[in-house]
Amino acid sequence: MHVAEKKKGKFQHSSFLAGGATTAAGRLVAHDGVLEAIWPYNGHYHPTEENFMEFISFLEEHHVDLTNGK
């Protein structure tokens, strides 16, 4: 899993994989290690609902607390 702050003109979400294939993509908000929101919006990769649900399953399997997430 790769997460970084978007820096317009310097670092984009596609920079991680140089535009290559990925299982899921989107946006998230976290503060002090607590996941507050997550959604599959992404203009480059166009993730499907199935991709998003696979990602949610990945988070659950890795014991990420989703109770406060929107």
N, C-alpha and C. Protein backbone atom coordinates (compact mmCIF):
# COMPACT_ATOMS: atom_id res chain seq x y z
N MET A 1 0.85 -1.16 0.00
CA MET A 1 0.00 0.00 0.00
C MET A 1 0.90 1.23 0.00
N HIS A 2 0.61 2.17 -0.89
CA HIS A 2 1.36 3.41 -0.98
C HIS A 2 0.42 4.58 -0.71
N VAL A 3 0.83 5.46 0.17
CA VAL A 3 0.02 6.63 0.50
C VAL A 3 0.95 7.83 0.59
N ALA A 4 0.54 8.94 -0.02
CA ALA A 4 1.32 10.17 0.07
C ALA A 4 0.42 11.35 -0.18
N GLU A 5 0.85 12.49 0.28
CA GLU A 5 0.12 13.73 0.02
C GLU A 5 0.38 14.15 -1.42
N LYS A 6 -0.67 14.51 -2.11
CA LYS A 6 -0.54 14.98 -3.49
C LYS A 6 0.13 16.35 -3.49
N LYS A 7 1.15 16.50 -4.31
CA LYS A 7 1.83 17.78 -4.47
C LYS A 7 1.78 18.13 -5.95
N LYS A 8 0.83 18.99 -6.29
CA LYS A 8 0.57 19.32 -7.68
C LYS A 8 1.85 19.72 -8.41
N GLY A 9 2.08 19.04 -9.53
CA GLY A 9 3.24 19.32 -10.35
C GLY A 9 4.51 18.63 -9.91
N LYS A 10 4.49 17.99 -8.72
CA LYS A 10 5.69 17.33 -8.20
C LYS A 10 5.47 15.84 -7.94
N PHE A 11 4.39 15.52 -7.25
CA PHE A 11 4.13 14.12 -6.90
C PHE A 11 2.65 13.84 -7.04
N GLN A 12 2.32 12.88 -7.88
CA GLN A 12 0.95 12.49 -8.12
C GLN A 12 0.76 11.04 -7.68
N HIS A 13 -0.48 10.62 -7.56
CA HIS A 13 -0.76 9.23 -7.19
C HIS A 13 -0.14 8.25 -8.17
N SER A 14 -0.09 8.60 -9.44
CA SER A 14 0.47 7.69 -10.44
C SER A 14 1.99 7.63 -10.38
N SER A 15 2.61 8.52 -9.60
CA SER A 15 4.07 8.52 -9.46
C SER A 15 4.58 7.24 -8.80
N PHE A 16 3.78 6.64 -7.91
CA PHE A 16 4.21 5.42 -7.23
C PHE A 16 4.57 4.32 -8.21
N LEU A 17 3.74 4.11 -9.20
CA LEU A 17 3.91 2.99 -10.13
C LEU A 17 4.19 3.46 -11.55
N ALA A 18 4.54 4.71 -11.70
CA ALA A 18 4.83 5.29 -13.02
C ALA A 18 3.68 5.04 -13.99
N GLY A 19 2.44 5.09 -13.49
CA GLY A 19 1.27 4.90 -14.34
C GLY A 19 0.94 3.45 -14.61
N GLY A 20 1.68 2.51 -13.99
CA GLY A 20 1.45 1.07 -14.20
C GLY A 20 0.20 0.57 -13.52
N ALA A 21 -0.06 -0.72 -13.68
CA ALA A 21 -1.26 -1.36 -13.14
C ALA A 21 -1.28 -1.32 -11.61
N THR A 22 -2.50 -1.26 -11.08
CA THR A 22 -2.70 -1.28 -9.63
C THR A 22 -4.01 -1.99 -9.32
N THR A 23 -4.14 -2.50 -8.11
CA THR A 23 -5.36 -3.19 -7.70
C THR A 23 -6.47 -2.21 -7.36
N ALA A 24 -6.12 -1.10 -6.70
CA ALA A 24 -7.11 -0.12 -6.28
C ALA A 24 -6.45 1.25 -6.21
N ALA A 25 -7.26 2.28 -6.28
CA ALA A 25 -6.76 3.64 -6.17
C ALA A 25 -7.88 4.51 -5.62
N GLY A 26 -7.52 5.61 -4.99
CA GLY A 26 -8.53 6.50 -4.46
C GLY A 26 -7.93 7.52 -3.54
N ARG A 27 -8.75 8.02 -2.65
CA ARG A 27 -8.31 9.04 -1.69
C ARG A 27 -8.66 8.58 -0.28
N LEU A 28 -7.87 9.05 0.67
CA LEU A 28 -8.19 8.78 2.07
C LEU A 28 -7.77 9.96 2.91
N VAL A 29 -8.38 10.05 4.08
CA VAL A 29 -8.04 11.07 5.07
C VAL A 29 -7.72 10.34 6.36
N ALA A 30 -6.56 10.66 6.92
CA ALA A 30 -6.16 10.07 8.20
C ALA A 30 -5.47 11.15 9.04
N HIS A 31 -5.71 11.12 10.32
CA HIS A 31 -5.05 12.03 11.25
C HIS A 31 -4.54 11.23 12.43
N ASP A 32 -3.28 11.43 12.77
CA ASP A 32 -2.66 10.73 13.90
C ASP A 32 -2.85 9.22 13.81
N GLY A 33 -2.76 8.68 12.59
CA GLY A 33 -2.86 7.24 12.39
C GLY A 33 -4.27 6.68 12.39
N VAL A 34 -5.28 7.56 12.45
CA VAL A 34 -6.67 7.12 12.47
C VAL A 34 -7.29 7.41 11.10
N LEU A 35 -7.80 6.38 10.46
CA LEU A 35 -8.46 6.53 9.17
C LEU A 35 -9.81 7.18 9.39
N GLU A 36 -10.02 8.34 8.77
CA GLU A 36 -11.27 9.08 8.96
C GLU A 36 -12.21 8.97 7.76
N ALA A 37 -11.67 8.84 6.56
CA ALA A 37 -12.51 8.75 5.37
C ALA A 37 -11.73 8.06 4.26
N ILE A 38 -12.45 7.36 3.42
CA ILE A 38 -11.83 6.70 2.28
C ILE A 38 -12.87 6.61 1.17
N TRP A 39 -12.46 6.89 -0.05
CA TRP A 39 -13.38 6.76 -1.17
C TRP A 39 -12.59 6.43 -2.43
N PRO A 40 -13.25 5.78 -3.40
CA PRO A 40 -12.56 5.28 -4.58
C PRO A 40 -12.38 6.29 -5.70
N TYR A 41 -12.65 7.57 -5.44
CA TYR A 41 -12.52 8.56 -6.51
C TYR A 41 -11.08 8.62 -7.00
N ASN A 42 -10.90 8.52 -8.30
CA ASN A 42 -9.59 8.62 -8.90
C ASN A 42 -9.76 8.89 -10.39
N GLY A 43 -9.14 9.92 -10.89
CA GLY A 43 -9.32 10.29 -12.29
C GLY A 43 -8.44 9.54 -13.27
N HIS A 44 -7.35 8.94 -12.79
CA HIS A 44 -6.41 8.28 -13.68
C HIS A 44 -6.69 6.79 -13.83
N TYR A 45 -6.86 6.09 -12.72
CA TYR A 45 -6.98 4.64 -12.76
C TYR A 45 -8.41 4.13 -12.96
N HIS A 46 -9.43 4.93 -12.68
CA HIS A 46 -10.83 4.53 -12.82
C HIS A 46 -11.13 3.20 -12.12
N PRO A 47 -10.93 3.12 -10.80
CA PRO A 47 -11.20 1.88 -10.08
C PRO A 47 -12.69 1.54 -10.09
N THR A 48 -12.98 0.25 -10.09
CA THR A 48 -14.36 -0.21 -10.05
C THR A 48 -14.80 -0.37 -8.60
N GLU A 49 -16.10 -0.58 -8.40
CA GLU A 49 -16.60 -0.85 -7.05
C GLU A 49 -15.96 -2.13 -6.50
N GLU A 50 -15.76 -3.11 -7.38
CA GLU A 50 -15.11 -4.36 -6.97
C GLU A 50 -13.68 -4.09 -6.49
N ASN A 51 -12.94 -3.22 -7.20
CA ASN A 51 -11.59 -2.85 -6.76
C ASN A 51 -11.62 -2.23 -5.37
N PHE A 52 -12.60 -1.34 -5.16
CA PHE A 52 -12.72 -0.66 -3.87
C PHE A 52 -13.02 -1.66 -2.76
N MET A 53 -13.93 -2.59 -3.02
CA MET A 53 -14.28 -3.59 -2.01
C MET A 53 -13.10 -4.52 -1.72
N GLU A 54 -12.29 -4.83 -2.72
CA GLU A 54 -11.07 -5.62 -2.49
C GLU A 54 -10.12 -4.87 -1.58
N PHE A 55 -10.03 -3.55 -1.77
CA PHE A 55 -9.17 -2.74 -0.93
C PHE A 55 -9.68 -2.69 0.50
N ILE A 56 -10.98 -2.54 0.67
CA ILE A 56 -11.58 -2.55 2.02
C ILE A 56 -11.28 -3.90 2.69
N SER A 57 -11.40 -4.99 1.95
CA SER A 57 -11.08 -6.31 2.50
C SER A 57 -9.61 -6.39 2.90
N PHE A 58 -8.73 -5.82 2.08
CA PHE A 58 -7.30 -5.78 2.40
C PHE A 58 -7.08 -5.06 3.73
N LEU A 59 -7.73 -3.91 3.90
CA LEU A 59 -7.58 -3.15 5.14
C LEU A 59 -8.07 -3.96 6.34
N GLU A 60 -9.22 -4.60 6.19
CA GLU A 60 -9.77 -5.41 7.28
C GLU A 60 -8.84 -6.57 7.63
N GLU A 61 -8.31 -7.24 6.62
CA GLU A 61 -7.39 -8.37 6.84
C GLU A 61 -6.12 -7.92 7.56
N HIS A 62 -5.76 -6.65 7.41
CA HIS A 62 -4.58 -6.12 8.06
C HIS A 62 -4.92 -5.31 9.32
N HIS A 63 -6.12 -5.58 9.83
CA HIS A 63 -6.58 -5.05 11.12
C HIS A 63 -6.61 -3.52 11.18
N VAL A 64 -6.96 -2.89 10.07
CA VAL A 64 -7.16 -1.45 10.08
C VAL A 64 -8.55 -1.17 10.63
N ASP A 65 -8.61 -0.32 11.64
CA ASP A 65 -9.89 0.04 12.26
C ASP A 65 -10.68 0.95 11.34
N LEU A 66 -11.78 0.46 10.83
CA LEU A 66 -12.63 1.22 9.90
C LEU A 66 -13.86 1.81 10.58
N THR A 67 -13.98 1.67 11.89
CA THR A 67 -15.20 2.10 12.58
C THR A 67 -15.42 3.60 12.51
N ASN A 68 -14.37 4.41 12.44
CA ASN A 68 -14.53 5.86 12.36
C ASN A 68 -14.52 6.38 10.94
N GLY A 69 -14.30 5.49 9.98
CA GLY A 69 -14.22 5.90 8.58
C GLY A 69 -15.58 6.18 7.97
N LYS A 70 -15.58 7.09 7.02
CA LYS A 70 -16.81 7.43 6.31
C LYS A 70 -16.72 6.88 4.91
